[in-house]
Amino acid sequence: MVHLVERNLAGSTVVLPLAGTQNGMIVFIKNTSSGKVTVSPSGTDKIEGGGAITLGKPHDSIQLISNGAKTGGQWYIVSGVQCGAVLA
């Protein structure tokens, strides 16, 4: 299953679904705004072992895949164009 999330509001936050409920889900997120877009995991999930990721510039994008774990849920970065992305 593939989802495209396109945000066009500056200062937006995209909250990912729980990784444990979305085994193998691939999500594409693109910053179409003039400001920053924050991508946050749900609950105790992590993105690459950490917290939120900020897509800091217009046209930054990221592709994530979930591991499907009910405990220790992870979203892994598959690819991205990160002109100004910062791991939080």
N, C-alpha and C. Protein backbone atom coordinates (compact mmCIF):
# COMPACT_ATOMS: atom_id res chain seq x y z
N MET A 1 0.85 -1.17 0.00
CA MET A 1 0.00 0.00 0.00
C MET A 1 0.89 1.23 0.00
N VAL A 2 0.58 2.19 -0.85
CA VAL A 2 1.37 3.42 -0.95
C VAL A 2 0.44 4.61 -0.73
N HIS A 3 0.89 5.55 0.10
CA HIS A 3 0.12 6.77 0.36
C HIS A 3 0.98 7.97 0.00
N LEU A 4 0.39 8.95 -0.61
CA LEU A 4 1.05 10.23 -0.88
C LEU A 4 0.40 11.26 0.01
N VAL A 5 1.23 11.93 0.80
CA VAL A 5 0.74 13.00 1.67
C VAL A 5 1.38 14.28 1.18
N GLU A 6 0.57 15.24 0.78
CA GLU A 6 1.09 16.50 0.28
C GLU A 6 0.53 17.61 1.16
N ARG A 7 1.42 18.34 1.80
CA ARG A 7 1.00 19.42 2.70
C ARG A 7 1.35 20.76 2.07
N ASN A 8 0.44 21.69 2.12
CA ASN A 8 0.73 23.00 1.56
C ASN A 8 0.51 24.13 2.57
N LEU A 9 0.51 23.79 3.85
CA LEU A 9 0.38 24.80 4.89
C LEU A 9 1.68 24.92 5.66
N ALA A 10 2.23 26.11 5.72
CA ALA A 10 3.47 26.32 6.47
C ALA A 10 3.24 25.96 7.94
N GLY A 11 4.21 25.31 8.53
CA GLY A 11 4.11 24.95 9.94
C GLY A 11 3.24 23.72 10.18
N SER A 12 2.97 22.93 9.15
CA SER A 12 2.13 21.74 9.27
C SER A 12 2.88 20.60 9.95
N THR A 13 2.10 19.70 10.55
CA THR A 13 2.65 18.47 11.11
C THR A 13 1.90 17.29 10.52
N VAL A 14 2.64 16.31 10.04
CA VAL A 14 2.08 15.06 9.56
C VAL A 14 2.39 14.01 10.61
N VAL A 15 1.35 13.38 11.16
CA VAL A 15 1.54 12.33 12.16
C VAL A 15 1.34 10.98 11.47
N LEU A 16 2.37 10.16 11.52
CA LEU A 16 2.31 8.84 10.90
C LEU A 16 1.39 7.91 11.68
N PRO A 17 0.74 6.96 11.02
CA PRO A 17 -0.03 5.96 11.76
C PRO A 17 0.92 5.05 12.54
N LEU A 18 0.39 4.33 13.51
CA LEU A 18 1.21 3.39 14.28
C LEU A 18 1.82 2.35 13.35
N ALA A 19 3.13 2.18 13.45
CA ALA A 19 3.84 1.23 12.57
C ALA A 19 3.31 -0.19 12.75
N GLY A 20 2.91 -0.55 13.96
CA GLY A 20 2.42 -1.89 14.24
C GLY A 20 1.11 -2.23 13.57
N THR A 21 0.39 -1.22 13.12
CA THR A 21 -0.89 -1.47 12.45
C THR A 21 -0.75 -1.35 10.94
N GLN A 22 0.45 -1.04 10.47
CA GLN A 22 0.66 -0.76 9.04
C GLN A 22 1.91 -1.48 8.52
N ASN A 23 1.98 -2.79 8.68
CA ASN A 23 3.15 -3.55 8.27
C ASN A 23 3.48 -3.33 6.79
N GLY A 24 4.68 -2.81 6.54
CA GLY A 24 5.14 -2.60 5.17
C GLY A 24 4.54 -1.41 4.45
N MET A 25 3.77 -0.58 5.15
CA MET A 25 3.19 0.60 4.50
C MET A 25 4.30 1.54 4.07
N ILE A 26 4.17 2.06 2.88
CA ILE A 26 5.11 3.05 2.36
C ILE A 26 4.38 4.38 2.30
N VAL A 27 5.02 5.42 2.82
CA VAL A 27 4.42 6.75 2.85
C VAL A 27 5.38 7.73 2.19
N PHE A 28 4.85 8.55 1.29
CA PHE A 28 5.60 9.64 0.67
C PHE A 28 5.08 10.95 1.24
N ILE A 29 5.98 11.80 1.68
CA ILE A 29 5.57 13.10 2.22
C ILE A 29 6.40 14.17 1.52
N LYS A 30 5.73 15.20 1.04
CA LYS A 30 6.41 16.29 0.34
C LYS A 30 5.98 17.62 0.92
N ASN A 31 6.95 18.50 1.13
CA ASN A 31 6.68 19.85 1.60
C ASN A 31 6.38 20.72 0.39
N THR A 32 5.12 21.08 0.23
CA THR A 32 4.74 21.97 -0.88
C THR A 32 4.47 23.38 -0.38
N SER A 33 4.81 23.64 0.88
CA SER A 33 4.59 24.97 1.46
C SER A 33 5.86 25.80 1.36
N SER A 34 5.76 27.02 1.81
CA SER A 34 6.93 27.90 1.85
C SER A 34 7.62 27.81 3.21
N GLY A 35 7.05 27.07 4.14
CA GLY A 35 7.63 26.92 5.48
C GLY A 35 8.06 25.50 5.76
N LYS A 36 8.10 25.14 7.03
CA LYS A 36 8.55 23.82 7.46
C LYS A 36 7.37 22.87 7.64
N VAL A 37 7.61 21.59 7.38
CA VAL A 37 6.63 20.54 7.65
C VAL A 37 7.32 19.51 8.54
N THR A 38 6.68 19.19 9.67
CA THR A 38 7.23 18.22 10.61
C THR A 38 6.54 16.88 10.40
N VAL A 39 7.33 15.82 10.36
CA VAL A 39 6.82 14.45 10.24
C VAL A 39 7.08 13.78 11.59
N SER A 40 6.00 13.35 12.26
CA SER A 40 6.12 12.79 13.61
C SER A 40 5.59 11.37 13.66
N PRO A 41 6.29 10.50 14.42
CA PRO A 41 5.76 9.15 14.63
C PRO A 41 4.64 9.20 15.67
N SER A 42 3.79 8.18 15.66
CA SER A 42 2.71 8.07 16.65
C SER A 42 3.18 7.32 17.88
N GLY A 43 2.59 7.67 19.02
CA GLY A 43 2.86 6.94 20.26
C GLY A 43 4.33 6.81 20.57
N THR A 44 4.79 5.58 20.79
CA THR A 44 6.20 5.33 21.12
C THR A 44 7.01 4.92 19.89
N ASP A 45 6.40 4.99 18.72
CA ASP A 45 7.12 4.67 17.48
C ASP A 45 8.30 5.60 17.29
N LYS A 46 9.23 5.19 16.46
CA LYS A 46 10.42 5.98 16.14
C LYS A 46 10.57 6.09 14.63
N ILE A 47 11.28 7.12 14.20
CA ILE A 47 11.71 7.24 12.81
C ILE A 47 13.22 7.07 12.84
N GLU A 48 13.69 5.96 12.28
CA GLU A 48 15.13 5.65 12.30
C GLU A 48 15.71 5.73 13.71
N GLY A 49 14.96 5.30 14.70
CA GLY A 49 15.44 5.27 16.08
C GLY A 49 15.29 6.59 16.82
N GLY A 50 14.78 7.62 16.15
CA GLY A 50 14.64 8.92 16.78
C GLY A 50 13.22 9.44 16.72
N GLY A 51 13.12 10.75 16.89
CA GLY A 51 11.81 11.40 16.92
C GLY A 51 11.40 11.95 15.57
N ALA A 52 10.86 13.14 15.60
CA ALA A 52 10.31 13.78 14.40
C ALA A 52 11.40 14.19 13.42
N ILE A 53 11.00 14.35 12.18
CA ILE A 53 11.86 14.87 11.12
C ILE A 53 11.21 16.14 10.58
N THR A 54 12.02 17.14 10.32
CA THR A 54 11.51 18.38 9.75
C THR A 54 11.96 18.49 8.31
N LEU A 55 10.98 18.68 7.44
CA LEU A 55 11.27 19.00 6.04
C LEU A 55 11.29 20.52 5.98
N GLY A 56 12.49 21.08 5.97
CA GLY A 56 12.66 22.49 6.25
C GLY A 56 12.53 23.45 5.09
N LYS A 57 12.52 22.93 3.86
CA LYS A 57 12.46 23.81 2.70
C LYS A 57 11.41 23.31 1.71
N PRO A 58 10.91 24.23 0.89
CA PRO A 58 9.99 23.79 -0.15
C PRO A 58 10.63 22.71 -1.02
N HIS A 59 9.84 21.75 -1.40
CA HIS A 59 10.23 20.63 -2.27
C HIS A 59 11.01 19.54 -1.54
N ASP A 60 11.28 19.67 -0.25
CA ASP A 60 11.84 18.56 0.51
C ASP A 60 10.82 17.43 0.50
N SER A 61 11.28 16.21 0.40
CA SER A 61 10.36 15.08 0.45
C SER A 61 11.06 13.89 1.09
N ILE A 62 10.25 12.94 1.55
CA ILE A 62 10.79 11.77 2.20
C ILE A 62 9.87 10.59 1.95
N GLN A 63 10.47 9.42 1.86
CA GLN A 63 9.72 8.17 1.69
C GLN A 63 10.07 7.28 2.88
N LEU A 64 9.03 6.79 3.58
CA LEU A 64 9.22 5.97 4.77
C LEU A 64 8.49 4.64 4.61
N ILE A 65 9.00 3.60 5.29
CA ILE A 65 8.33 2.30 5.32
C ILE A 65 8.25 1.83 6.77
N SER A 66 7.12 1.25 7.15
CA SER A 66 6.94 0.77 8.53
C SER A 66 7.43 -0.67 8.66
N ASN A 67 7.87 -1.02 9.89
CA ASN A 67 8.32 -2.39 10.13
C ASN A 67 7.21 -3.29 10.65
N GLY A 68 6.07 -2.73 10.99
CA GLY A 68 4.93 -3.53 11.41
C GLY A 68 5.01 -4.08 12.82
N ALA A 69 6.01 -3.68 13.59
CA ALA A 69 6.18 -4.21 14.95
C ALA A 69 5.18 -3.57 15.90
N LYS A 70 4.47 -4.40 16.66
CA LYS A 70 3.51 -3.90 17.66
C LYS A 70 4.26 -3.24 18.82
N THR A 71 5.43 -3.78 19.16
CA THR A 71 6.29 -3.19 20.18
C THR A 71 7.58 -2.76 19.49
N GLY A 72 8.00 -1.54 19.74
CA GLY A 72 9.21 -1.05 19.10
C GLY A 72 8.98 -0.70 17.63
N GLY A 73 7.80 -0.15 17.35
CA GLY A 73 7.47 0.22 15.98
C GLY A 73 8.46 1.22 15.42
N GLN A 74 8.86 0.99 14.18
CA GLN A 74 9.83 1.85 13.52
C GLN A 74 9.34 2.25 12.14
N TRP A 75 9.65 3.45 11.75
CA TRP A 75 9.53 3.90 10.38
C TRP A 75 10.94 4.11 9.88
N TYR A 76 11.27 3.50 8.75
CA TYR A 76 12.61 3.62 8.18
C TYR A 76 12.57 4.50 6.94
N ILE A 77 13.60 5.33 6.81
CA ILE A 77 13.73 6.19 5.64
C ILE A 77 14.23 5.35 4.48
N VAL A 78 13.45 5.34 3.41
CA VAL A 78 13.82 4.60 2.20
C VAL A 78 14.59 5.54 1.27
N SER A 79 14.07 6.73 1.10
CA SER A 79 14.72 7.72 0.24
C SER A 79 14.14 9.09 0.52
N GLY A 80 14.78 10.09 -0.03
CA GLY A 80 14.25 11.43 0.13
C GLY A 80 15.10 12.47 -0.56
N VAL A 81 14.45 13.57 -0.86
CA VAL A 81 15.13 14.76 -1.34
C VAL A 81 15.05 15.71 -0.17
N GLN A 82 16.17 15.93 0.47
CA GLN A 82 16.17 16.68 1.73
C GLN A 82 17.07 17.90 1.61
N CYS A 83 16.56 18.89 0.92
CA CYS A 83 17.33 20.12 0.73
C CYS A 83 17.65 20.78 2.06
N GLY A 84 16.76 20.61 3.05
CA GLY A 84 16.99 21.24 4.36
C GLY A 84 16.46 20.40 5.50
N ALA A 85 16.35 19.08 5.32
CA ALA A 85 15.78 18.22 6.37
C ALA A 85 16.71 18.14 7.57
N VAL A 86 16.11 18.14 8.75
CA VAL A 86 16.86 18.08 9.99
C VAL A 86 16.24 17.02 10.88
N LEU A 87 17.02 16.05 11.35
CA LEU A 87 16.50 15.08 12.31
C LEU A 87 16.37 15.75 13.66
N ALA A 88 15.21 15.59 14.28
CA ALA A 88 14.95 16.24 15.56
C ALA A 88 15.40 15.37 16.71
